[in-house]
Amino acid sequence: MSSSTVTARRLSAAALAAAAIVGAVALPASAADHARPERPKVEISAVQYDSPGRDDRSRRSLNKEWVDLTNTTRRTVNLDEWTLTDEDGHTYTFDHYRLAGRATVRIHTGEGRDTDTDLYMDRHNYVWDNYSDTATLRNDHGRFIDDASWGGRHDRDGGHDRDGGHHH
């Protein structure tokens, strides 16, 4: 095989590699515009789905099951008519609640008096499945804002379910 063939092949490979790099650099900017909007203004920042201790459906136990929402912006966000739903369709609808900038609100499953930092679903049963579930936050137009999933098909290990895999 002559040396000129090798050189030509090497050149085209280098040219392809350069084109690929340029393409990769040029792509994300336009792709990002269309993908999904920048980080949600309000996000699900934490979920305590398996309330510590016995699941005895007491108010205390129900209220140790919660979801935290955090406003990542400096502006107050009006959550009126926003919803928080589990995979089974249990829905909590926010009622005239405004989440201050950079603040977090904790939504408890059980009963209690709503404050700026704690809201209560007033349920007598657990919502978030210990084994696997997804919490989905939607705005007042039903548009997807954020979600959080755990267990089952999501992380495969199921290691957190020490007490015999009970479902709520």
Protein backbone atom coordinates (compact mmCIF):
# COMPACT_ATOMS: atom_id res chain seq x y z
CA MET A 1 0.00 0.00 0.00
CA SER A 2 1.46 3.39 -0.96
CA SER A 3 2.09 6.06 1.62
CA SER A 4 -0.11 8.60 -0.18
CA THR A 5 -3.22 6.49 0.57
CA VAL A 6 -2.45 6.48 4.28
CA THR A 7 -2.03 10.27 4.35
CA ALA A 8 -5.30 10.83 2.52
CA ARG A 9 -7.16 8.54 4.91
CA ARG A 10 -5.61 10.26 7.92
CA LEU A 11 -6.64 13.65 6.58
CA SER A 12 -10.25 12.72 6.05
CA ALA A 13 -10.46 11.21 9.53
CA ALA A 14 -9.04 14.42 11.00
CA ALA A 15 -11.44 16.51 8.93
CA LEU A 16 -14.38 14.37 10.10
CA ALA A 17 -13.28 14.67 13.72
CA ALA A 18 -12.98 18.45 13.39
CA ALA A 19 -16.44 18.65 11.80
CA ALA A 20 -17.86 16.51 14.60
CA ILE A 21 -16.35 18.79 17.24
CA VAL A 22 -17.64 21.93 15.53
CA GLY A 23 -21.06 20.28 15.18
CA ALA A 24 -21.12 19.30 18.84
CA VAL A 25 -20.18 22.80 19.92
CA ALA A 26 -22.81 24.42 17.69
CA LEU A 27 -25.61 22.02 18.61
CA PRO A 28 -26.39 22.48 22.31
CA ALA A 29 -27.15 26.19 22.04
CA SER A 30 -29.99 25.67 19.59
CA ALA A 31 -31.09 22.37 21.13
CA ALA A 32 -31.29 23.94 24.58
CA ASP A 33 -33.67 26.61 23.30
CA HIS A 34 -36.20 23.98 22.32
CA ALA A 35 -35.61 21.27 24.90
CA ARG A 36 -37.28 22.33 28.11
CA PRO A 37 -37.29 25.68 29.79
CA GLU A 38 -34.48 26.53 32.18
CA ARG A 39 -34.65 24.98 35.63
CA PRO A 40 -38.19 25.12 36.97
CA LYS A 41 -38.85 28.22 39.06
CA VAL A 42 -40.45 25.98 41.65
CA GLU A 43 -39.01 22.52 42.13
CA ILE A 44 -39.62 19.46 44.26
CA SER A 45 -36.56 19.73 46.48
CA ALA A 46 -37.14 16.78 48.84
CA VAL A 47 -39.60 13.99 49.54
CA GLN A 48 -40.03 12.06 52.78
CA TYR A 49 -42.21 9.25 51.46
CA ASP A 50 -41.66 6.64 54.18
CA SER A 51 -42.62 8.31 57.44
CA PRO A 52 -40.23 7.27 60.23
CA GLY A 53 -41.58 4.85 62.79
CA ARG A 54 -44.70 2.71 62.56
CA ASP A 55 -47.19 3.43 59.80
CA ASP A 56 -50.11 3.64 62.20
CA ARG A 57 -51.96 6.36 60.26
CA SER A 58 -51.76 8.67 63.25
CA ARG A 59 -51.75 12.37 62.48
CA ARG A 60 -48.17 12.53 63.71
CA SER A 61 -47.08 9.72 61.40
CA LEU A 62 -49.04 11.10 58.43
CA ASN A 63 -47.41 14.49 58.87
CA LYS A 64 -43.93 12.96 58.86
CA GLU A 65 -44.67 12.09 55.23
CA TRP A 66 -44.12 15.24 53.17
CA VAL A 67 -42.93 16.88 49.98
CA ASP A 68 -40.82 20.05 49.93
CA LEU A 69 -41.23 22.61 47.15
CA THR A 70 -38.57 25.30 46.78
CA ASN A 71 -38.89 28.55 44.87
CA THR A 72 -35.52 28.92 43.11
CA THR A 73 -36.15 32.53 42.07
CA ARG A 74 -36.12 35.78 44.03
CA ARG A 75 -39.74 36.51 43.14
CA THR A 76 -42.84 35.25 44.90
CA VAL A 77 -44.68 32.59 42.88
CA ASN A 78 -48.45 32.25 43.15
CA LEU A 79 -49.21 28.53 43.47
CA ASP A 80 -53.00 28.98 43.47
CA GLU A 81 -54.60 26.01 41.67
CA TRP A 82 -51.23 24.25 41.19
CA THR A 83 -51.38 20.50 41.86
CA LEU A 84 -49.19 17.85 43.44
CA THR A 85 -50.12 14.33 42.32
CA ASP A 86 -48.93 10.77 42.95
CA GLU A 87 -48.93 7.87 40.46
CA ASP A 88 -52.36 6.75 41.70
CA GLY A 89 -53.88 10.13 40.92
CA HIS A 90 -54.24 11.42 44.49
CA THR A 91 -54.13 15.17 43.99
CA TYR A 92 -53.43 18.03 46.34
CA THR A 93 -54.49 21.43 44.94
CA PHE A 94 -52.92 24.58 46.32
CA ASP A 95 -55.43 27.15 47.45
CA HIS A 96 -54.41 30.83 47.31
CA TYR A 97 -50.88 30.03 48.43
CA ARG A 98 -47.94 32.25 47.50
CA LEU A 99 -44.40 30.88 47.86
CA ALA A 100 -41.90 33.62 48.65
CA GLY A 101 -38.65 33.93 46.73
CA ARG A 102 -35.90 31.50 47.78
CA ALA A 103 -38.36 29.90 50.22
CA THR A 104 -39.39 26.28 50.77
CA VAL A 105 -42.83 25.00 51.71
CA ARG A 106 -43.44 21.54 53.15
CA ILE A 107 -46.66 19.78 52.18
CA HIS A 108 -47.62 17.26 54.86
CA THR A 109 -50.01 14.39 54.14
CA GLY A 110 -52.00 14.61 57.38
CA GLU A 111 -54.09 17.26 59.08
CA GLY A 112 -52.85 20.56 60.43
CA ARG A 113 -53.10 24.33 60.20
CA ASP A 114 -51.57 25.79 57.03
CA THR A 115 -48.79 28.32 57.53
CA ASP A 116 -46.29 30.01 55.20
CA THR A 117 -43.84 27.14 55.63
CA ASP A 118 -46.16 24.14 56.13
CA LEU A 119 -49.27 23.07 54.24
CA TYR A 120 -51.46 20.07 55.07
CA MET A 121 -53.36 17.75 52.72
CA ASP A 122 -55.71 16.82 55.59
CA ARG A 123 -55.69 13.16 54.56
CA HIS A 124 -56.31 10.18 56.84
CA ASN A 125 -54.20 7.88 54.70
CA TYR A 126 -50.69 7.93 53.26
CA VAL A 127 -50.23 9.25 49.74
CA TRP A 128 -46.62 8.52 48.82
CA ASP A 129 -45.87 4.85 48.26
CA ASN A 130 -42.81 3.65 50.20
CA TYR A 131 -41.82 1.23 47.48
CA SER A 132 -42.01 3.36 44.36
CA ASP A 133 -43.92 6.45 43.34
CA THR A 134 -43.61 9.75 41.51
CA ALA A 135 -44.60 13.15 42.84
CA THR A 136 -45.59 15.46 39.98
CA LEU A 137 -46.01 19.21 40.25
CA ARG A 138 -48.17 21.00 37.67
CA ASN A 139 -49.12 24.65 37.38
CA ASP A 140 -52.64 26.09 37.22
CA HIS A 141 -52.79 25.33 33.48
CA GLY A 142 -51.91 21.69 34.06
CA ARG A 143 -48.43 22.18 32.61
CA PHE A 144 -45.64 19.96 33.93
CA ILE A 145 -43.29 21.84 36.25
CA ASP A 146 -41.24 19.19 38.02
CA ASP A 147 -41.34 15.66 39.36
CA ALA A 148 -39.47 13.34 41.70
CA SER A 149 -39.44 9.54 41.49
CA TRP A 150 -38.12 6.82 43.76
CA GLY A 151 -38.00 3.07 44.22
CA GLY A 152 -39.15 0.21 42.01
CA ARG A 153 -38.30 0.70 38.38
CA HIS A 154 -36.56 3.98 39.12
CA ASP A 155 -33.56 2.93 41.19
CA ARG A 156 -33.76 -0.88 41.31
CA ASP A 157 -32.11 -1.33 44.71
CA GLY A 158 -35.16 -0.90 46.96
CA GLY A 159 -32.70 -0.79 49.85
CA HIS A 160 -34.65 1.80 51.79
CA ASP A 161 -37.58 -0.54 52.26
CA ARG A 162 -36.18 -2.40 55.24
CA ASP A 163 -39.44 -3.20 56.98
CA GLY A 164 -40.87 -5.75 54.58
CA GLY A 165 -41.91 -3.67 51.61
CA HIS A 166 -45.24 -2.47 52.92
CA HIS A 167 -47.31 -0.37 50.55
CA HIS A 168 -49.46 2.43 51.86
